[in-house]
Amino acid sequence: MVSAWKGSSRPARQETGRAATETAGLSGAEVEVILDSVADGVCTVDESFRITSFNRAAAEITGVPRQEALTRPCCEVFRASICEASCALRETLRTGRPVIDRPVFIVRPDGERLPISISTAVLRDQQGRLVGGVATFRDLRGTFTEEQVKKETERCLSCGATVVDEYMCVGCGACTQKC
């Protein structure tokens, strides 16, 4: 997992629990190998929502090479409808509570709309200070059919809404792209 984390070479920790390096005595390189072995995308952001780390699966799912993703605002990489209206990471940083398995559609660089499930958590440094957030996400192409995507897009386009309703919309992006 390539990282652009500012400040320390030590990994940040989630709100709950200690860093993996403290718990198991793992080196930074070993943690990178583990994260790059995970099938889910893992991405961290700083308090300005700029990407600070991006694992192999994150690059494969989004279609954005890790070096291009690092230091960019996450909304530029994910291009999801929730980015502006109901960002999962922004919600987590505001409330301190994780978001778990929120279905979202992202737009890959080739224009493909891809259904993913995203979970987020607060990221704190070794002293407990908020340093950003972490998102894990997985490809849901096997979950949503093209017909479901088409139906949701038609519903969104017909509703006339200018803000995505996070409780009704799966985040196809048509609403926010139209407005």
Foldseek 3Di string as FASTA:
>chain_A
DDFQDPDDPDFWAFLDDDDPCVVPVDDSVRVLVVQLPDLKWKWWAFPVQQTGFTHPNNCVQQVNDGVRRHRHRVCVRFVWQCPPFPDQQVVCVVPQDKDFFQWTWGAHPVRDTWIKTKIKTFTGHPVRHTTTMMMIMHTCPVPDDPVNLVVLLVVLVVVPDQHDDSVPHSTSNNNPVVD
